[in-house]
Amino acid sequence: MSESVRDAMINQAWFLIAERGLEGMSMREVLARTGAPRGSVYHHFPRGRAELIELALDRSREWMQDQIAAIPARTAKDVVSGYLDIWRRVVEGSDFRAGCAMAGVTTGGPDSVMLDRAQAAFTATGGSLAARFEEVGVTPTEAAQRATLLVIAAEGAVVLARAWRNSDPLDLVGTHFG
């Protein structure tokens, strides 16, 4: 199998977790979505499902950090709207079926390894946002607090946007944040 099949499997695992949560990510569905043969799972992921999930979460974290780094920001409000726009693209682009893979892991069960990975990803997201806030003139302490609050607000807004099947919760956070 080529590296592109491996990447496709990682991406599909990520998307499944974002859509269905940790327990909703099955190897059978990953294989169906990628068209990869069953034997490719252990060829590319010797530790099986656990390894695939870890790599999917890493990919999700890296993607979010890249998205945050690409926010065109001159003001703190630009950082907020840019971050909310990332989530708007995710929920609207999936017809409100996908949300945050880290939230899917967090609500998926008491697996401490996965919870640690989700915590690290949320921390990385907050750190990336704090850095962007600092770049536009917010003090480090205030930037860290705003970043944490923004992650909290956006995660809740994503959950409600999926339930309501519209982006109004993201708009509300944007209107009242900052």
N, C-alpha and C. Protein backbone atom coordinates (compact mmCIF):
# COMPACT_ATOMS: atom_id res chain seq x y z
N MET A 1 0.84 -1.18 0.00
CA MET A 1 0.00 0.00 0.00
C MET A 1 0.88 1.25 0.00
N SER A 2 0.43 2.26 -0.65
CA SER A 2 1.21 3.49 -0.72
C SER A 2 0.96 4.34 0.52
N GLU A 3 1.83 5.30 0.70
CA GLU A 3 1.69 6.22 1.83
C GLU A 3 0.37 6.99 1.74
N SER A 4 -0.11 7.26 0.52
CA SER A 4 -1.36 7.99 0.38
C SER A 4 -2.55 7.21 0.94
N VAL A 5 -2.51 5.88 0.86
CA VAL A 5 -3.57 5.08 1.47
C VAL A 5 -3.50 5.21 2.98
N ARG A 6 -2.31 5.17 3.53
CA ARG A 6 -2.13 5.35 4.97
C ARG A 6 -2.68 6.71 5.41
N ASP A 7 -2.33 7.75 4.67
CA ASP A 7 -2.84 9.08 4.98
C ASP A 7 -4.35 9.14 4.89
N ALA A 8 -4.90 8.51 3.86
CA ALA A 8 -6.36 8.48 3.70
C ALA A 8 -7.02 7.79 4.90
N MET A 9 -6.41 6.72 5.38
CA MET A 9 -6.97 6.01 6.53
C MET A 9 -6.91 6.89 7.78
N ILE A 10 -5.82 7.59 7.96
CA ILE A 10 -5.69 8.50 9.11
C ILE A 10 -6.75 9.59 9.03
N ASN A 11 -6.88 10.19 7.84
CA ASN A 11 -7.88 11.26 7.68
C ASN A 11 -9.30 10.76 7.91
N GLN A 12 -9.62 9.58 7.39
CA GLN A 12 -10.97 9.07 7.58
C GLN A 12 -11.24 8.72 9.05
N ALA A 13 -10.24 8.23 9.76
CA ALA A 13 -10.41 7.98 11.19
C ALA A 13 -10.68 9.30 11.91
N TRP A 14 -9.95 10.33 11.56
CA TRP A 14 -10.14 11.67 12.14
C TRP A 14 -11.57 12.14 11.88
N PHE A 15 -12.01 12.04 10.63
CA PHE A 15 -13.35 12.51 10.28
C PHE A 15 -14.43 11.71 11.00
N LEU A 16 -14.24 10.41 11.10
CA LEU A 16 -15.21 9.57 11.81
C LEU A 16 -15.31 9.95 13.28
N ILE A 17 -14.19 10.21 13.91
CA ILE A 17 -14.20 10.63 15.32
C ILE A 17 -14.92 11.97 15.44
N ALA A 18 -14.66 12.88 14.51
CA ALA A 18 -15.31 14.19 14.53
C ALA A 18 -16.82 14.08 14.31
N GLU A 19 -17.23 13.09 13.54
CA GLU A 19 -18.65 12.90 13.25
C GLU A 19 -19.37 12.08 14.32
N ARG A 20 -18.72 10.99 14.76
CA ARG A 20 -19.42 9.99 15.58
C ARG A 20 -18.83 9.78 16.97
N GLY A 21 -17.73 10.44 17.27
CA GLY A 21 -17.07 10.22 18.55
C GLY A 21 -16.13 9.04 18.49
N LEU A 22 -15.42 8.85 19.55
CA LEU A 22 -14.41 7.80 19.61
C LEU A 22 -15.00 6.41 19.39
N GLU A 23 -16.11 6.14 20.03
CA GLU A 23 -16.72 4.81 19.90
C GLU A 23 -17.35 4.58 18.54
N GLY A 24 -17.61 5.65 17.80
CA GLY A 24 -18.20 5.52 16.48
C GLY A 24 -17.19 5.33 15.36
N MET A 25 -15.91 5.35 15.72
CA MET A 25 -14.86 5.17 14.71
C MET A 25 -14.51 3.69 14.64
N SER A 26 -14.98 3.04 13.58
CA SER A 26 -14.67 1.62 13.42
C SER A 26 -13.68 1.42 12.29
N MET A 27 -12.88 0.39 12.43
CA MET A 27 -11.93 0.05 11.37
C MET A 27 -12.68 -0.33 10.10
N ARG A 28 -13.79 -1.00 10.26
CA ARG A 28 -14.60 -1.40 9.10
C ARG A 28 -15.02 -0.17 8.29
N GLU A 29 -15.46 0.88 8.97
CA GLU A 29 -15.89 2.09 8.28
C GLU A 29 -14.70 2.81 7.63
N VAL A 30 -13.55 2.84 8.30
CA VAL A 30 -12.35 3.45 7.71
C VAL A 30 -12.00 2.73 6.42
N LEU A 31 -12.03 1.41 6.46
CA LEU A 31 -11.72 0.63 5.26
C LEU A 31 -12.74 0.88 4.16
N ALA A 32 -14.01 0.96 4.52
CA ALA A 32 -15.05 1.22 3.54
C ALA A 32 -14.88 2.59 2.89
N ARG A 33 -14.56 3.57 3.69
CA ARG A 33 -14.41 4.93 3.16
C ARG A 33 -13.16 5.09 2.30
N THR A 34 -12.14 4.31 2.56
CA THR A 34 -10.89 4.46 1.81
C THR A 34 -10.75 3.43 0.70
N GLY A 35 -11.53 2.37 0.76
CA GLY A 35 -11.39 1.30 -0.22
C GLY A 35 -10.15 0.45 -0.01
N ALA A 36 -9.52 0.59 1.14
CA ALA A 36 -8.30 -0.17 1.45
C ALA A 36 -8.66 -1.59 1.86
N PRO A 37 -7.81 -2.56 1.51
CA PRO A 37 -8.07 -3.94 1.94
C PRO A 37 -7.84 -4.10 3.44
N ARG A 38 -8.52 -5.05 4.02
CA ARG A 38 -8.46 -5.28 5.47
C ARG A 38 -7.03 -5.47 5.98
N GLY A 39 -6.20 -6.14 5.23
CA GLY A 39 -4.82 -6.39 5.66
C GLY A 39 -3.99 -5.13 5.78
N SER A 40 -4.46 -4.04 5.19
CA SER A 40 -3.69 -2.80 5.25
C SER A 40 -3.69 -2.18 6.65
N VAL A 41 -4.68 -2.52 7.46
CA VAL A 41 -4.74 -1.95 8.81
C VAL A 41 -3.47 -2.28 9.58
N TYR A 42 -3.15 -3.54 9.71
CA TYR A 42 -1.98 -3.91 10.51
C TYR A 42 -0.67 -3.70 9.77
N HIS A 43 -0.75 -3.58 8.45
CA HIS A 43 0.44 -3.24 7.69
C HIS A 43 0.87 -1.81 8.02
N HIS A 44 -0.08 -0.89 8.02
CA HIS A 44 0.22 0.52 8.27
C HIS A 44 0.18 0.90 9.75
N PHE A 45 -0.58 0.14 10.52
CA PHE A 45 -0.79 0.47 11.94
C PHE A 45 -0.61 -0.81 12.76
N PRO A 46 0.63 -1.19 13.04
CA PRO A 46 0.89 -2.46 13.73
C PRO A 46 0.16 -2.61 15.07
N ARG A 47 -0.12 -1.47 15.74
CA ARG A 47 -0.85 -1.55 17.01
C ARG A 47 -2.36 -1.44 16.79
N GLY A 48 -2.78 -1.46 15.54
CA GLY A 48 -4.20 -1.50 15.23
C GLY A 48 -4.94 -0.19 15.45
N ARG A 49 -6.17 -0.33 15.91
CA ARG A 49 -7.08 0.80 16.08
C ARG A 49 -6.49 1.89 16.97
N ALA A 50 -5.84 1.51 18.06
CA ALA A 50 -5.28 2.51 18.98
C ALA A 50 -4.26 3.40 18.27
N GLU A 51 -3.41 2.79 17.49
CA GLU A 51 -2.40 3.58 16.76
C GLU A 51 -3.06 4.49 15.74
N LEU A 52 -4.04 3.98 15.01
CA LEU A 52 -4.74 4.79 14.02
C LEU A 52 -5.42 5.98 14.70
N ILE A 53 -6.05 5.76 15.82
CA ILE A 53 -6.71 6.86 16.54
C ILE A 53 -5.68 7.89 16.98
N GLU A 54 -4.58 7.45 17.53
CA GLU A 54 -3.53 8.39 17.97
C GLU A 54 -3.06 9.25 16.82
N LEU A 55 -2.82 8.63 15.67
CA LEU A 55 -2.35 9.39 14.50
C LEU A 55 -3.43 10.33 13.97
N ALA A 56 -4.68 9.91 14.03
CA ALA A 56 -5.78 10.76 13.61
C ALA A 56 -5.88 11.99 14.52
N LEU A 57 -5.70 11.79 15.80
CA LEU A 57 -5.77 12.91 16.73
C LEU A 57 -4.59 13.85 16.53
N ASP A 58 -3.43 13.28 16.27
CA ASP A 58 -2.26 14.12 15.98
C ASP A 58 -2.51 14.95 14.72
N ARG A 59 -3.08 14.33 13.71
CA ARG A 59 -3.37 15.04 12.46
C ARG A 59 -4.37 16.17 12.72
N SER A 60 -5.38 15.90 13.51
CA SER A 60 -6.38 16.92 13.85
C SER A 60 -5.73 18.10 14.57
N ARG A 61 -4.89 17.80 15.55
CA ARG A 61 -4.20 18.85 16.30
C ARG A 61 -3.32 19.69 15.38
N GLU A 62 -2.55 19.03 14.53
CA GLU A 62 -1.66 19.75 13.61
C GLU A 62 -2.45 20.62 12.65
N TRP A 63 -3.56 20.07 12.14
CA TRP A 63 -4.40 20.82 11.22
C TRP A 63 -4.92 22.09 11.89
N MET A 64 -5.41 21.95 13.13
CA MET A 64 -5.95 23.12 13.82
C MET A 64 -4.86 24.17 14.05
N GLN A 65 -3.68 23.74 14.43
CA GLN A 65 -2.60 24.70 14.65
C GLN A 65 -2.25 25.43 13.34
N ASP A 66 -2.25 24.71 12.23
CA ASP A 66 -2.01 25.34 10.93
C ASP A 66 -3.10 26.35 10.59
N GLN A 67 -4.35 25.98 10.88
CA GLN A 67 -5.47 26.88 10.61
C GLN A 67 -5.37 28.16 11.45
N ILE A 68 -5.03 28.00 12.71
CA ILE A 68 -4.89 29.17 13.59
C ILE A 68 -3.75 30.07 13.11
N ALA A 69 -2.65 29.46 12.72
CA ALA A 69 -1.50 30.23 12.23
C ALA A 69 -1.85 31.03 10.98
N ALA A 70 -2.82 30.56 10.21
CA ALA A 70 -3.21 31.22 8.96
C ALA A 70 -4.27 32.30 9.14
N ILE A 71 -4.75 32.52 10.35
CA ILE A 71 -5.77 33.56 10.57
C ILE A 71 -5.15 34.92 10.28
N PRO A 72 -5.75 35.68 9.36
CA PRO A 72 -5.25 37.04 9.11
C PRO A 72 -5.74 37.95 10.23
N ALA A 73 -4.85 38.35 11.12
CA ALA A 73 -5.29 39.08 12.31
C ALA A 73 -4.46 40.34 12.54
N ARG A 74 -5.18 41.45 12.72
CA ARG A 74 -4.56 42.70 13.16
C ARG A 74 -5.07 43.12 14.53
N THR A 75 -6.22 42.51 14.91
CA THR A 75 -6.83 42.84 16.20
C THR A 75 -7.24 41.55 16.91
N ALA A 76 -7.53 41.68 18.19
CA ALA A 76 -8.01 40.52 18.95
C ALA A 76 -9.33 40.01 18.37
N LYS A 77 -10.16 40.91 17.93
CA LYS A 77 -11.44 40.53 17.32
C LYS A 77 -11.20 39.69 16.06
N ASP A 78 -10.15 40.01 15.30
CA ASP A 78 -9.81 39.21 14.12
C ASP A 78 -9.43 37.78 14.51
N VAL A 79 -8.72 37.63 15.63
CA VAL A 79 -8.35 36.29 16.10
C VAL A 79 -9.61 35.51 16.43
N VAL A 80 -10.52 36.14 17.15
CA VAL A 80 -11.78 35.49 17.52
C VAL A 80 -12.56 35.09 16.28
N SER A 81 -12.79 36.03 15.38
CA SER A 81 -13.60 35.71 14.20
C SER A 81 -12.90 34.68 13.32
N GLY A 82 -11.58 34.74 13.24
CA GLY A 82 -10.85 33.75 12.45
C GLY A 82 -10.99 32.35 13.01
N TYR A 83 -10.90 32.23 14.33
CA TYR A 83 -11.05 30.92 14.96
C TYR A 83 -12.47 30.39 14.79
N LEU A 84 -13.45 31.25 14.99
CA LEU A 84 -14.84 30.82 14.80
C LEU A 84 -15.12 30.45 13.34
N ASP A 85 -14.46 31.14 12.42
CA ASP A 85 -14.62 30.80 10.99
C ASP A 85 -14.07 29.40 10.69
N ILE A 86 -13.00 29.00 11.36
CA ILE A 86 -12.48 27.65 11.19
C ILE A 86 -13.58 26.65 11.52
N TRP A 87 -14.21 26.85 12.68
CA TRP A 87 -15.26 25.93 13.11
C TRP A 87 -16.50 26.02 12.22
N ARG A 88 -16.79 27.21 11.72
CA ARG A 88 -17.92 27.37 10.81
C ARG A 88 -17.68 26.54 9.55
N ARG A 89 -16.47 26.57 9.02
CA ARG A 89 -16.15 25.77 7.83
C ARG A 89 -16.31 24.28 8.13
N VAL A 90 -15.91 23.86 9.33
CA VAL A 90 -16.02 22.43 9.68
C VAL A 90 -17.48 22.01 9.75
N VAL A 91 -18.28 22.73 10.52
CA VAL A 91 -19.67 22.28 10.71
C VAL A 91 -20.51 22.47 9.45
N GLU A 92 -20.37 23.61 8.80
CA GLU A 92 -21.16 23.83 7.59
C GLU A 92 -20.67 22.93 6.45
N GLY A 93 -19.37 22.75 6.34
CA GLY A 93 -18.81 21.92 5.28
C GLY A 93 -19.18 20.45 5.40
N SER A 94 -19.54 20.03 6.60
CA SER A 94 -19.96 18.63 6.82
C SER A 94 -21.48 18.52 6.95
N ASP A 95 -22.18 19.58 6.59
CA ASP A 95 -23.64 19.62 6.75
C ASP A 95 -24.02 19.34 8.20
N PHE A 96 -23.23 19.89 9.11
CA PHE A 96 -23.45 19.81 10.56
C PHE A 96 -23.32 18.39 11.11
N ARG A 97 -22.58 17.54 10.41
CA ARG A 97 -22.35 16.18 10.90
C ARG A 97 -21.05 16.07 11.70
N ALA A 98 -20.09 16.96 11.43
CA ALA A 98 -18.79 16.86 12.10
C ALA A 98 -18.59 18.01 13.08
N GLY A 99 -17.84 17.71 14.10
CA GLY A 99 -17.46 18.71 15.08
C GLY A 99 -15.99 18.54 15.40
N CYS A 100 -15.67 18.62 16.66
CA CYS A 100 -14.29 18.54 17.12
C CYS A 100 -13.94 17.09 17.47
N ALA A 101 -12.89 16.57 16.84
CA ALA A 101 -12.46 15.21 17.14
C ALA A 101 -12.03 15.08 18.60
N MET A 102 -11.44 16.11 19.16
CA MET A 102 -11.00 16.04 20.56
C MET A 102 -12.20 15.96 21.50
N ALA A 103 -13.27 16.64 21.15
CA ALA A 103 -14.49 16.53 21.95
C ALA A 103 -15.04 15.11 21.82
N GLY A 104 -14.95 14.54 20.63
CA GLY A 104 -15.40 13.17 20.42
C GLY A 104 -14.62 12.17 21.25
N VAL A 105 -13.35 12.43 21.43
CA VAL A 105 -12.51 11.57 22.27
C VAL A 105 -12.84 11.78 23.74
N THR A 106 -13.01 13.01 24.13
CA THR A 106 -13.27 13.34 25.53
C THR A 106 -14.58 12.74 26.02
N THR A 107 -15.58 12.76 25.17
CA THR A 107 -16.88 12.21 25.57
C THR A 107 -16.99 10.71 25.28
N GLY A 108 -15.95 10.14 24.67
CA GLY A 108 -15.99 8.76 24.24
C GLY A 108 -15.66 7.72 25.28
N GLY A 109 -15.27 8.13 26.44
CA GLY A 109 -14.98 7.13 27.45
C GLY A 109 -13.80 7.52 28.33
N PRO A 110 -13.55 6.71 29.33
CA PRO A 110 -12.55 7.07 30.34
C PRO A 110 -11.12 6.60 30.03
N ASP A 111 -10.78 6.39 28.77
CA ASP A 111 -9.44 5.95 28.40
C ASP A 111 -8.45 7.07 28.70
N SER A 112 -7.62 6.90 29.71
CA SER A 112 -6.73 7.98 30.16
C SER A 112 -5.71 8.37 29.10
N VAL A 113 -5.27 7.45 28.28
CA VAL A 113 -4.32 7.78 27.21
C VAL A 113 -4.97 8.72 26.21
N MET A 114 -6.19 8.42 25.83
CA MET A 114 -6.90 9.26 24.87
C MET A 114 -7.27 10.61 25.49
N LEU A 115 -7.66 10.61 26.75
CA LEU A 115 -7.96 11.87 27.42
C LEU A 115 -6.72 12.74 27.52
N ASP A 116 -5.57 12.13 27.78
CA ASP A 116 -4.31 12.89 27.81
C ASP A 116 -4.02 13.50 26.45
N ARG A 117 -4.28 12.74 25.39
CA ARG A 117 -4.05 13.25 24.03
C ARG A 117 -4.99 14.42 23.73
N ALA A 118 -6.24 14.28 24.14
CA ALA A 118 -7.20 15.37 23.93
C ALA A 118 -6.79 16.60 24.73
N GLN A 119 -6.37 16.40 25.97
CA GLN A 119 -5.92 17.53 26.78
C GLN A 119 -4.74 18.23 26.12
N ALA A 120 -3.80 17.47 25.61
CA ALA A 120 -2.64 18.06 24.93
C ALA A 120 -3.07 18.86 23.70
N ALA A 121 -4.05 18.35 22.98
CA ALA A 121 -4.53 19.05 21.79
C ALA A 121 -5.25 20.34 22.16
N PHE A 122 -6.11 20.28 23.18
CA PHE A 122 -6.78 21.51 23.62
C PHE A 122 -5.76 22.53 24.13
N THR A 123 -4.74 22.06 24.83
CA THR A 123 -3.69 22.94 25.33
C THR A 123 -2.92 23.57 24.16
N ALA A 124 -2.62 22.77 23.15
CA ALA A 124 -1.92 23.29 21.97
C ALA A 124 -2.76 24.34 21.25
N THR A 125 -4.06 24.07 21.14
CA THR A 125 -4.94 25.04 20.50
C THR A 125 -4.96 26.34 21.29
N GLY A 126 -5.10 26.23 22.59
CA GLY A 126 -5.08 27.43 23.43
C GLY A 126 -3.76 28.17 23.32
N GLY A 127 -2.67 27.44 23.27
CA GLY A 127 -1.36 28.07 23.12
C GLY A 127 -1.21 28.80 21.80
N SER A 128 -1.72 28.18 20.73
CA SER A 128 -1.66 28.82 19.41
C SER A 128 -2.51 30.09 19.38
N LEU A 129 -3.69 30.01 19.97
CA LEU A 129 -4.55 31.20 20.02
C LEU A 129 -3.94 32.29 20.89
N ALA A 130 -3.38 31.90 22.02
CA ALA A 130 -2.73 32.89 22.90
C ALA A 130 -1.60 33.60 22.16
N ALA A 131 -0.83 32.85 21.41
CA ALA A 131 0.27 33.45 20.64
C ALA A 131 -0.28 34.46 19.63
N ARG A 132 -1.40 34.12 18.98
CA ARG A 132 -2.00 35.05 18.01
C ARG A 132 -2.52 36.30 18.72
N PHE A 133 -3.14 36.12 19.90
CA PHE A 133 -3.60 37.28 20.66
C PHE A 133 -2.41 38.18 21.03
N GLU A 134 -1.32 37.58 21.45
CA GLU A 134 -0.13 38.36 21.80
C GLU A 134 0.41 39.11 20.59
N GLU A 135 0.37 38.48 19.42
CA GLU A 135 0.85 39.13 18.19
C GLU A 135 0.08 40.41 17.88
N VAL A 136 -1.17 40.49 18.33
CA VAL A 136 -1.98 41.69 18.05
C VAL A 136 -2.03 42.63 19.25
N GLY A 137 -1.14 42.41 20.24
CA GLY A 137 -0.98 43.36 21.31
C GLY A 137 -1.62 43.03 22.64
N VAL A 138 -2.18 41.86 22.80
CA VAL A 138 -2.77 41.47 24.08
C VAL A 138 -1.65 40.97 24.99
N THR A 139 -1.70 41.36 26.25
CA THR A 139 -0.66 40.93 27.20
C THR A 139 -0.67 39.41 27.34
N PRO A 140 0.46 38.82 27.68
CA PRO A 140 0.52 37.36 27.78
C PRO A 140 -0.52 36.74 28.72
N THR A 141 -0.71 37.33 29.88
CA THR A 141 -1.69 36.79 30.83
C THR A 141 -3.09 36.87 30.26
N GLU A 142 -3.43 38.03 29.74
CA GLU A 142 -4.76 38.22 29.14
C GLU A 142 -4.94 37.34 27.91
N ALA A 143 -3.89 37.18 27.11
CA ALA A 143 -3.96 36.34 25.92
C ALA A 143 -4.26 34.90 26.28
N ALA A 144 -3.60 34.39 27.31
CA ALA A 144 -3.83 33.01 27.74
C ALA A 144 -5.26 32.83 28.23
N GLN A 145 -5.77 33.80 28.99
CA GLN A 145 -7.14 33.71 29.48
C GLN A 145 -8.15 33.79 28.35
N ARG A 146 -7.95 34.73 27.43
CA ARG A 146 -8.86 34.86 26.29
C ARG A 146 -8.85 33.59 25.44
N ALA A 147 -7.66 33.03 25.23
CA ALA A 147 -7.55 31.83 24.41
C ALA A 147 -8.32 30.67 25.04
N THR A 148 -8.15 30.48 26.34
CA THR A 148 -8.86 29.39 27.02
C THR A 148 -10.36 29.60 26.95
N LEU A 149 -10.80 30.80 27.22
CA LEU A 149 -12.23 31.10 27.16
C LEU A 149 -12.77 30.92 25.74
N LEU A 150 -11.99 31.31 24.74
CA LEU A 150 -12.44 31.15 23.36
C LEU A 150 -12.58 29.67 22.98
N VAL A 151 -11.64 28.86 23.41
CA VAL A 151 -11.75 27.42 23.14
C VAL A 151 -13.01 26.86 23.80
N ILE A 152 -13.22 27.21 25.05
CA ILE A 152 -14.41 26.75 25.77
C ILE A 152 -15.69 27.17 25.04
N ALA A 153 -15.77 28.45 24.69
CA ALA A 153 -16.97 28.97 24.03
C ALA A 153 -17.17 28.34 22.65
N ALA A 154 -16.10 28.20 21.90
CA ALA A 154 -16.22 27.63 20.55
C ALA A 154 -16.63 26.17 20.60
N GLU A 155 -16.06 25.40 21.53
CA GLU A 155 -16.43 23.99 21.64
C GLU A 155 -17.92 23.85 21.94
N GLY A 156 -18.42 24.64 22.85
CA GLY A 156 -19.86 24.61 23.15
C GLY A 156 -20.68 25.04 21.97
N ALA A 157 -20.22 26.06 21.25
CA ALA A 157 -20.95 26.55 20.08
C ALA A 157 -20.99 25.50 18.98
N VAL A 158 -19.89 24.75 18.82
CA VAL A 158 -19.86 23.69 17.80
C VAL A 158 -20.89 22.61 18.14
N VAL A 159 -20.96 22.23 19.40
CA VAL A 159 -21.93 21.22 19.81
C VAL A 159 -23.36 21.71 19.52
N LEU A 160 -23.66 22.94 19.90
CA LEU A 160 -25.00 23.47 19.65
C LEU A 160 -25.27 23.65 18.17
N ALA A 161 -24.27 24.09 17.40
CA ALA A 161 -24.46 24.25 15.96
C ALA A 161 -24.83 22.92 15.31
N ARG A 162 -24.18 21.86 15.75
CA ARG A 162 -24.51 20.54 15.21
C ARG A 162 -25.94 20.13 15.60
N ALA A 163 -26.30 20.37 16.85
CA ALA A 163 -27.64 20.01 17.31
C ALA A 163 -28.73 20.84 16.62
N TRP A 164 -28.45 22.12 16.45
CA TRP A 164 -29.43 23.02 15.85
C TRP A 164 -29.37 23.01 14.32
N ARG A 165 -28.29 22.44 13.77
CA ARG A 165 -28.06 22.40 12.33
C ARG A 165 -28.02 23.78 11.70
N ASN A 166 -27.40 24.71 12.44
CA ASN A 166 -27.12 26.03 11.89
C ASN A 166 -25.95 26.65 12.66
N SER A 167 -25.43 27.72 12.12
CA SER A 167 -24.24 28.35 12.69
C SER A 167 -24.54 29.47 13.69
N ASP A 168 -25.80 29.61 14.06
CA ASP A 168 -26.16 30.69 14.98
C ASP A 168 -25.34 30.69 16.27
N PRO A 169 -25.06 29.54 16.89
CA PRO A 169 -24.25 29.57 18.12
C PRO A 169 -22.85 30.15 17.91
N LEU A 170 -22.24 29.86 16.77
CA LEU A 170 -20.93 30.45 16.48
C LEU A 170 -21.04 31.95 16.30
N ASP A 171 -22.10 32.39 15.63
CA ASP A 171 -22.32 33.82 15.46
C ASP A 171 -22.51 34.51 16.80
N LEU A 172 -23.25 33.87 17.70
CA LEU A 172 -23.49 34.45 19.02
C LEU A 172 -22.20 34.60 19.81
N VAL A 173 -21.35 33.58 19.77
CA VAL A 173 -20.06 33.70 20.44
C VAL A 173 -19.26 34.86 19.85
N GLY A 174 -19.24 34.96 18.53
CA GLY A 174 -18.50 36.04 17.88
C GLY A 174 -19.02 37.41 18.24
N THR A 175 -20.31 37.53 18.37
CA THR A 175 -20.93 38.81 18.71
C THR A 175 -20.59 39.25 20.13
N HIS A 176 -20.53 38.29 21.06
CA HIS A 176 -20.38 38.65 22.47
C HIS A 176 -19.00 38.41 23.04
N PHE A 177 -18.10 37.88 22.26
CA PHE A 177 -16.77 37.59 22.79
C PHE A 177 -15.88 38.82 22.67
N GLY A 178 -15.11 39.06 23.72
CA GLY A 178 -14.03 40.03 23.66
C GLY A 178 -14.39 41.41 23.97
